[in-house]
PDB file of N, CA and C in Angstrom:
ATOM      1  N   MET A   1     -12.646 -21.549 -59.713  1.00  0.00           N
ATOM      2  CA  MET A   1     -11.842 -22.392 -58.750  1.00  0.00           C
ATOM      3  C   MET A   1     -10.904 -23.093 -59.155  1.00  0.00           C
ATOM      4  N   SER A   2     -10.084 -23.467 -58.326  1.00  0.00           N
ATOM      5  CA  SER A   2      -8.907 -24.477 -58.570  1.00  0.00           C
ATOM      6  C   SER A   2      -9.466 -25.781 -58.519  1.00  0.00           C
ATOM      7  N   LEU A   3      -8.511 -26.784 -59.136  1.00  0.00           N
ATOM      8  CA  LEU A   3      -8.838 -28.105 -59.422  1.00  0.00           C
ATOM      9  C   LEU A   3      -9.156 -28.720 -58.081  1.00  0.00           C
ATOM     10  N   ALA A   4      -8.278 -28.261 -57.002  1.00  0.00           N
ATOM     11  CA  ALA A   4      -8.407 -28.627 -55.609  1.00  0.00           C
ATOM     12  C   ALA A   4      -9.769 -28.217 -55.198  1.00  0.00           C
ATOM     13  N   GLU A   5     -10.133 -27.239 -55.177  1.00  0.00           N
ATOM     14  CA  GLU A   5     -11.367 -26.707 -54.854  1.00  0.00           C
ATOM     15  C   GLU A   5     -12.771 -27.383 -55.336  1.00  0.00           C
ATOM     16  N   ASP A   6     -12.674 -27.532 -56.788  1.00  0.00           N
ATOM     17  CA  ASP A   6     -13.475 -28.442 -57.324  1.00  0.00           C
ATOM     18  C   ASP A   6     -13.898 -29.580 -56.942  1.00  0.00           C
ATOM     19  N   LEU A   7     -12.792 -30.470 -56.953  1.00  0.00           N
ATOM     20  CA  LEU A   7     -12.668 -31.599 -56.142  1.00  0.00           C
ATOM     21  C   LEU A   7     -13.454 -31.773 -55.034  1.00  0.00           C
ATOM     22  N   ALA A   8     -12.794 -30.864 -54.175  1.00  0.00           N
ATOM     23  CA  ALA A   8     -13.141 -30.883 -52.906  1.00  0.00           C
ATOM     24  C   ALA A   8     -14.696 -30.727 -52.508  1.00  0.00           C
ATOM     25  N   ASP A   9     -15.146 -29.704 -53.355  1.00  0.00           N
ATOM     26  CA  ASP A   9     -16.521 -29.377 -53.225  1.00  0.00           C
ATOM     27  C   ASP A   9     -17.447 -30.636 -53.720  1.00  0.00           C
ATOM     28  N   LYS A  10     -17.068 -31.201 -54.667  1.00  0.00           N
ATOM     29  CA  LYS A  10     -17.875 -32.409 -55.123  1.00  0.00           C
ATOM     30  C   LYS A  10     -17.725 -33.653 -53.949  1.00  0.00           C
ATOM     31  N   LEU A  11     -16.619 -33.683 -53.415  1.00  0.00           N
ATOM     32  CA  LEU A  11     -16.398 -35.002 -52.199  1.00  0.00           C
ATOM     33  C   LEU A  11     -17.381 -34.251 -51.001  1.00  0.00           C
ATOM     34  N   ALA A  12     -17.212 -32.952 -50.781  1.00  0.00           N
ATOM     35  CA  ALA A  12     -17.940 -32.378 -49.518  1.00  0.00           C
ATOM     36  C   ALA A  12     -19.575 -32.632 -50.148  1.00  0.00           C
ATOM     37  N   GLU A  13     -19.985 -32.238 -51.380  1.00  0.00           N
ATOM     38  CA  GLU A  13     -21.295 -32.601 -51.459  1.00  0.00           C
ATOM     39  C   GLU A  13     -21.802 -33.941 -51.336  1.00  0.00           C
ATOM     40  N   ASP A  14     -21.036 -34.798 -51.953  1.00  0.00           N
ATOM     41  CA  ASP A  14     -21.108 -36.256 -51.512  1.00  0.00           C
ATOM     42  C   ASP A  14     -21.304 -36.817 -50.031  1.00  0.00           C
ATOM     43  N   THR A  15     -20.281 -36.502 -49.658  1.00  0.00           N
ATOM     44  CA  THR A  15     -20.343 -36.837 -47.836  1.00  0.00           C
ATOM     45  C   THR A  15     -21.263 -35.880 -47.350  1.00  0.00           C
ATOM     46  N   PHE A  16     -21.821 -34.746 -47.680  1.00  0.00           N
ATOM     47  CA  PHE A  16     -22.845 -34.126 -46.907  1.00  0.00           C
ATOM     48  C   PHE A  16     -24.362 -34.905 -47.212  1.00  0.00           C
ATOM     49  N   LYS A  17     -24.254 -35.272 -48.098  1.00  0.00           N
ATOM     50  CA  LYS A  17     -25.320 -36.367 -48.566  1.00  0.00           C
ATOM     51  C   LYS A  17     -25.403 -37.387 -47.621  1.00  0.00           C
ATOM     52  N   ILE A  18     -24.432 -38.240 -47.397  1.00  0.00           N
ATOM     53  CA  ILE A  18     -24.016 -39.429 -46.794  1.00  0.00           C
ATOM     54  C   ILE A  18     -24.292 -38.994 -45.329  1.00  0.00           C
ATOM     55  N   MET A  19     -24.058 -37.967 -44.854  1.00  0.00           N
ATOM     56  CA  MET A  19     -24.109 -37.403 -43.255  1.00  0.00           C
ATOM     57  C   MET A  19     -25.630 -37.151 -43.135  1.00  0.00           C
ATOM     58  N   GLN A  20     -26.462 -36.661 -44.123  1.00  0.00           N
ATOM     59  CA  GLN A  20     -27.768 -36.474 -43.951  1.00  0.00           C
ATOM     60  C   GLN A  20     -28.736 -37.690 -43.750  1.00  0.00           C
ATOM     61  N   ALA A  21     -28.196 -38.698 -44.910  1.00  0.00           N
ATOM     62  CA  ALA A  21     -28.933 -39.918 -44.928  1.00  0.00           C
ATOM     63  C   ALA A  21     -28.730 -40.743 -43.797  1.00  0.00           C
ATOM     64  N   SER A  22     -27.466 -40.682 -43.061  1.00  0.00           N
ATOM     65  CA  SER A  22     -27.015 -41.659 -41.987  1.00  0.00           C
ATOM     66  C   SER A  22     -27.383 -41.022 -40.377  1.00  0.00           C
ATOM     67  N   GLY A  23     -27.153 -39.664 -40.621  1.00  0.00           N
ATOM     68  CA  GLY A  23     -27.335 -38.957 -39.116  1.00  0.00           C
ATOM     69  C   GLY A  23     -26.207 -38.728 -38.407  1.00  0.00           C
ATOM     70  N   ASP A  24     -25.153 -39.078 -39.297  1.00  0.00           N
ATOM     71  CA  ASP A  24     -23.601 -39.204 -38.524  1.00  0.00           C
ATOM     72  C   ASP A  24     -22.966 -37.858 -39.133  1.00  0.00           C
ATOM     73  N   ASP A  25     -23.161 -36.805 -38.157  1.00  0.00           N
ATOM     74  CA  ASP A  25     -22.659 -35.720 -38.486  1.00  0.00           C
ATOM     75  C   ASP A  25     -21.204 -35.388 -37.879  1.00  0.00           C
ATOM     76  N   ARG A  26     -20.430 -36.387 -37.996  1.00  0.00           N
ATOM     77  CA  ARG A  26     -18.934 -36.430 -37.808  1.00  0.00           C
ATOM     78  C   ARG A  26     -18.411 -37.164 -38.840  1.00  0.00           C
ATOM     79  N   PHE A  27     -18.922 -37.873 -39.773  1.00  0.00           N
ATOM     80  CA  PHE A  27     -18.617 -38.688 -40.814  1.00  0.00           C
ATOM     81  C   PHE A  27     -17.344 -37.909 -41.872  1.00  0.00           C
ATOM     82  N   PHE A  28     -17.830 -36.500 -41.882  1.00  0.00           N
ATOM     83  CA  PHE A  28     -16.689 -35.820 -42.635  1.00  0.00           C
ATOM     84  C   PHE A  28     -15.572 -35.777 -42.035  1.00  0.00           C
ATOM     85  N   MET A  29     -15.279 -35.976 -40.842  1.00  0.00           N
ATOM     86  CA  MET A  29     -13.722 -36.009 -40.139  1.00  0.00           C
ATOM     87  C   MET A  29     -12.985 -37.403 -40.782  1.00  0.00           C
ATOM     88  N   GLU A  30     -13.985 -38.427 -40.675  1.00  0.00           N
ATOM     89  CA  GLU A  30     -13.368 -39.723 -41.279  1.00  0.00           C
ATOM     90  C   GLU A  30     -12.698 -39.269 -42.774  1.00  0.00           C
ATOM     91  N   VAL A  31     -13.370 -38.772 -43.706  1.00  0.00           N
ATOM     92  CA  VAL A  31     -13.132 -38.342 -45.039  1.00  0.00           C
ATOM     93  C   VAL A  31     -11.883 -37.544 -45.215  1.00  0.00           C
ATOM     94  N   ALA A  32     -11.894 -36.475 -43.998  1.00  0.00           N
ATOM     95  CA  ALA A  32     -11.108 -35.387 -44.230  1.00  0.00           C
ATOM     96  C   ALA A  32      -9.871 -36.166 -43.536  1.00  0.00           C
ATOM     97  N   ALA A  33      -9.763 -37.043 -42.794  1.00  0.00           N
ATOM     98  CA  ALA A  33      -8.541 -37.746 -42.625  1.00  0.00           C
ATOM     99  C   ALA A  33      -7.940 -38.688 -43.509  1.00  0.00           C
ATOM    100  N   ILE A  34      -8.782 -39.339 -44.413  1.00  0.00           N
ATOM    101  CA  ILE A  34      -8.439 -40.122 -45.443  1.00  0.00           C
ATOM    102  C   ILE A  34      -7.859 -39.110 -46.614  1.00  0.00           C
ATOM    103  N   ILE A  35      -8.524 -38.097 -46.678  1.00  0.00           N
ATOM    104  CA  ILE A  35      -7.953 -36.868 -47.845  1.00  0.00           C
ATOM    105  C   ILE A  35      -6.523 -36.531 -47.238  1.00  0.00           C
ATOM    106  N   GLY A  36      -6.454 -36.145 -45.906  1.00  0.00           N
ATOM    107  CA  GLY A  36      -5.195 -35.347 -45.557  1.00  0.00           C
ATOM    108  C   GLY A  36      -4.022 -36.050 -45.558  1.00  0.00           C
ATOM    109  N   ALA A  37      -4.441 -37.427 -45.635  1.00  0.00           N
ATOM    110  CA  ALA A  37      -3.176 -38.404 -45.489  1.00  0.00           C
ATOM    111  C   ALA A  37      -2.459 -38.483 -46.815  1.00  0.00           C
ATOM    112  N   SER A  38      -3.151 -37.798 -48.088  1.00  0.00           N
ATOM    113  CA  SER A  38      -2.444 -37.720 -49.082  1.00  0.00           C
ATOM    114  C   SER A  38      -2.158 -36.055 -49.550  1.00  0.00           C
ATOM    115  N   SER A  39      -3.244 -35.592 -49.326  1.00  0.00           N
ATOM    116  CA  SER A  39      -3.011 -34.106 -49.692  1.00  0.00           C
ATOM    117  C   SER A  39      -3.878 -33.125 -48.710  1.00  0.00           C
ATOM    118  N   THR A  40      -2.972 -32.271 -48.026  1.00  0.00           N
ATOM    119  CA  THR A  40      -3.418 -31.141 -47.080  1.00  0.00           C
ATOM    120  C   THR A  40      -3.959 -30.140 -47.611  1.00  0.00           C
ATOM    121  N   THR A  41      -3.850 -29.747 -49.048  1.00  0.00           N
ATOM    122  CA  THR A  41      -4.405 -28.955 -49.582  1.00  0.00           C
ATOM    123  C   THR A  41      -5.779 -29.294 -50.034  1.00  0.00           C
ATOM    124  N   LEU A  42      -6.212 -30.534 -50.403  1.00  0.00           N
ATOM    125  CA  LEU A  42      -7.280 -30.916 -50.699  1.00  0.00           C
ATOM    126  C   LEU A  42      -8.229 -31.062 -49.243  1.00  0.00           C
ATOM    127  N   GLU A  43      -7.467 -31.278 -48.283  1.00  0.00           N
ATOM    128  CA  GLU A  43      -8.373 -31.691 -46.884  1.00  0.00           C
ATOM    129  C   GLU A  43      -8.890 -30.065 -46.501  1.00  0.00           C
ATOM    130  N   GLU A  44      -8.034 -29.284 -46.623  1.00  0.00           N
ATOM    131  CA  GLU A  44      -8.585 -27.990 -46.030  1.00  0.00           C
ATOM    132  C   GLU A  44      -9.767 -27.508 -47.053  1.00  0.00           C
ATOM    133  N   ALA A  45      -9.632 -27.632 -48.201  1.00  0.00           N
ATOM    134  CA  ALA A  45     -10.726 -27.215 -49.132  1.00  0.00           C
ATOM    135  C   ALA A  45     -11.942 -27.955 -48.951  1.00  0.00           C
ATOM    136  N   PHE A  46     -11.713 -29.181 -48.592  1.00  0.00           N
ATOM    137  CA  PHE A  46     -12.981 -29.958 -48.309  1.00  0.00           C
ATOM    138  C   PHE A  46     -13.686 -29.612 -47.000  1.00  0.00           C
ATOM    139  N   LEU A  47     -12.804 -29.448 -46.115  1.00  0.00           N
ATOM    140  CA  LEU A  47     -13.083 -28.959 -44.730  1.00  0.00           C
ATOM    141  C   LEU A  47     -13.971 -27.347 -45.008  1.00  0.00           C
ATOM    142  N   THR A  48     -13.535 -26.655 -45.534  1.00  0.00           N
ATOM    143  CA  THR A  48     -14.006 -25.534 -45.853  1.00  0.00           C
ATOM    144  C   THR A  48     -15.443 -25.558 -46.556  1.00  0.00           C
ATOM    145  N   SER A  49     -15.319 -26.601 -47.560  1.00  0.00           N
ATOM    146  CA  SER A  49     -16.813 -26.656 -48.213  1.00  0.00           C
ATOM    147  C   SER A  49     -17.692 -27.207 -47.159  1.00  0.00           C
ATOM    148  N   ILE A  50     -17.477 -28.043 -46.432  1.00  0.00           N
ATOM    149  CA  ILE A  50     -18.168 -28.776 -45.477  1.00  0.00           C
ATOM    150  C   ILE A  50     -18.739 -27.934 -44.533  1.00  0.00           C
ATOM    151  N   ARG A  51     -17.762 -27.238 -43.805  1.00  0.00           N
ATOM    152  CA  ARG A  51     -18.256 -26.365 -42.810  1.00  0.00           C
ATOM    153  C   ARG A  51     -19.223 -25.119 -43.459  1.00  0.00           C
ATOM    154  N   VAL A  52     -19.179 -24.740 -44.723  1.00  0.00           N
ATOM    155  CA  VAL A  52     -20.111 -23.752 -45.176  1.00  0.00           C
ATOM    156  C   VAL A  52     -21.328 -24.589 -45.510  1.00  0.00           C
ATOM    157  N   ARG A  53     -21.435 -25.654 -45.802  1.00  0.00           N
ATOM    158  CA  ARG A  53     -22.601 -26.442 -45.872  1.00  0.00           C
ATOM    159  C   ARG A  53     -23.467 -26.730 -44.735  1.00  0.00           C
ATOM    160  N   MET A  54     -22.519 -26.772 -43.694  1.00  0.00           N
ATOM    161  CA  MET A  54     -23.069 -27.143 -42.171  1.00  0.00           C
ATOM    162  C   MET A  54     -23.367 -25.738 -41.583  1.00  0.00           C
ATOM    163  N   ALA A  55     -23.034 -24.509 -41.948  1.00  0.00           N
ATOM    164  CA  ALA A  55     -23.367 -23.276 -41.523  1.00  0.00           C
ATOM    165  C   ALA A  55     -24.868 -22.881 -42.280  1.00  0.00           C
ATOM    166  N   GLU A  56     -24.855 -23.102 -43.422  1.00  0.00           N
ATOM    167  CA  GLU A  56     -26.030 -22.947 -44.371  1.00  0.00           C
ATOM    168  C   GLU A  56     -27.044 -23.644 -43.624  1.00  0.00           C
ATOM    169  N   GLN A  57     -26.825 -24.802 -43.373  1.00  0.00           N
ATOM    170  CA  GLN A  57     -28.040 -25.783 -42.893  1.00  0.00           C
ATOM    171  C   GLN A  57     -28.510 -25.150 -41.534  1.00  0.00           C
ATOM    172  N   ARG A  58     -27.541 -24.903 -40.588  1.00  0.00           N
ATOM    173  CA  ARG A  58     -27.998 -24.249 -39.345  1.00  0.00           C
ATOM    174  C   ARG A  58     -28.861 -22.913 -39.529  1.00  0.00           C
ATOM    175  N   ALA A  59     -28.221 -22.183 -40.357  1.00  0.00           N
ATOM    176  CA  ALA A  59     -28.873 -20.615 -40.682  1.00  0.00           C
ATOM    177  C   ALA A  59     -30.175 -21.075 -41.275  1.00  0.00           C
ATOM    178  N   ARG A  60     -30.398 -22.032 -42.074  1.00  0.00           N
ATOM    179  CA  ARG A  60     -31.682 -22.369 -42.451  1.00  0.00           C
ATOM    180  C   ARG A  60     -32.716 -22.861 -41.467  1.00  0.00           C
ATOM    181  N   ALA A  61     -32.008 -23.495 -40.634  1.00  0.00           N
ATOM    182  CA  ALA A  61     -33.330 -24.084 -39.602  1.00  0.00           C
ATOM    183  C   ALA A  61     -33.453 -22.866 -38.620  1.00  0.00           C
ATOM    184  N   PHE A  62     -32.502 -22.225 -38.373  1.00  0.00           N
ATOM    185  CA  PHE A  62     -32.505 -20.925 -37.604  1.00  0.00           C
ATOM    186  C   PHE A  62     -33.808 -20.141 -38.119  1.00  0.00           C
ATOM    187  N   LEU A  63     -33.922 -19.933 -39.469  1.00  0.00           N
ATOM    188  CA  LEU A  63     -34.542 -18.972 -40.078  1.00  0.00           C
ATOM    189  C   LEU A  63     -36.045 -19.631 -40.019  1.00  0.00           C
ATOM    190  N   MET A  64     -36.259 -20.957 -40.444  1.00  0.00           N
ATOM    191  CA  MET A  64     -37.623 -21.587 -40.094  1.00  0.00           C
ATOM    192  C   MET A  64     -38.173 -21.798 -38.695  1.00  0.00           C
ATOM    193  N   GLU A  65     -37.184 -21.707 -37.578  1.00  0.00           N
ATOM    194  CA  GLU A  65     -37.781 -21.704 -36.061  1.00  0.00           C
ATOM    195  C   GLU A  65     -38.354 -20.314 -36.148  1.00  0.00           C
ATOM    196  N   ARG A  66     -37.678 -19.180 -36.573  1.00  0.00           N
ATOM    197  CA  ARG A  66     -38.160 -17.892 -36.618  1.00  0.00           C
ATOM    198  C   ARG A  66     -39.498 -17.546 -37.008  1.00  0.00           C
ATOM    199  N   VAL A  67     -39.527 -18.313 -38.317  1.00  0.00           N
ATOM    200  CA  VAL A  67     -40.785 -18.030 -38.870  1.00  0.00           C
ATOM    201  C   VAL A  67     -41.973 -18.490 -38.245  1.00  0.00           C
ATOM    202  N   THR A  68     -41.544 -19.973 -37.780  1.00  0.00           N
ATOM    203  CA  THR A  68     -42.750 -20.528 -36.975  1.00  0.00           C
ATOM    204  C   THR A  68     -42.997 -19.869 -35.809  1.00  0.00           C
ATOM    205  N   GLN A  69     -41.927 -19.501 -35.130  1.00  0.00           N
ATOM    206  CA  GLN A  69     -42.283 -18.434 -33.780  1.00  0.00           C
ATOM    207  C   GLN A  69     -43.185 -17.313 -34.233  1.00  0.00           C
ATOM    208  N   MET A  70     -42.783 -16.557 -35.360  1.00  0.00           N
ATOM    209  CA  MET A  70     -43.534 -15.237 -35.419  1.00  0.00           C
ATOM    210  C   MET A  70     -45.165 -15.742 -35.996  1.00  0.00           C
ATOM    211  N   GLU A  71     -45.351 -16.770 -36.646  1.00  0.00           N
ATOM    212  CA  GLU A  71     -46.457 -17.219 -37.060  1.00  0.00           C
ATOM    213  C   GLU A  71     -47.357 -17.483 -35.760  1.00  0.00           C
ATOM    214  N   ARG A  72     -46.801 -18.223 -34.899  1.00  0.00           N
ATOM    215  CA  ARG A  72     -47.419 -18.596 -33.720  1.00  0.00           C
ATOM    216  C   ARG A  72     -47.900 -17.440 -32.859  1.00  0.00           C
ATOM    217  N   GLU A  73     -46.838 -16.419 -32.628  1.00  0.00           N
ATOM    218  CA  GLU A  73     -47.241 -14.897 -32.030  1.00  0.00           C
ATOM    219  C   GLU A  73     -48.310 -14.164 -32.926  1.00  0.00           C
ATOM    220  N   ALA A  74     -48.408 -14.470 -33.836  1.00  0.00           N
ATOM    221  CA  ALA A  74     -49.396 -13.609 -34.915  1.00  0.00           C
ATOM    222  C   ALA A  74     -50.911 -14.593 -34.869  1.00  0.00           C
ATOM    223  N   GLY A  75     -50.798 -15.746 -34.302  1.00  0.00           N
ATOM    224  CA  GLY A  75     -51.894 -16.517 -34.236  1.00  0.00           C
ATOM    225  C   GLY A  75     -52.466 -17.154 -35.565  1.00  0.00           C
ATOM    226  N   LEU A  76     -51.088 -17.308 -36.434  1.00  0.00           N
ATOM    227  CA  LEU A  76     -51.581 -18.130 -37.740  1.00  0.00           C
ATOM    228  C   LEU A  76     -51.418 -19.661 -37.700  1.00  0.00           C
TER     229      LEU A  76
END
């Protein structure tokens, strides 16, 4: 990874934790605006990292819902 990607990933990790704790699912946009004012390269890497985390979270929720549904249908 490049320096920008490494820094962006660390920022995204911290931002994602704050989003989960606060329930503010748009907080990353505020952080991105601050980053983008100085570095569009870092902003894009940050947004990519956030989107990957959000997609992973949605996919895991979908998987858990599907398992729960299958268990209900099986009478477990």
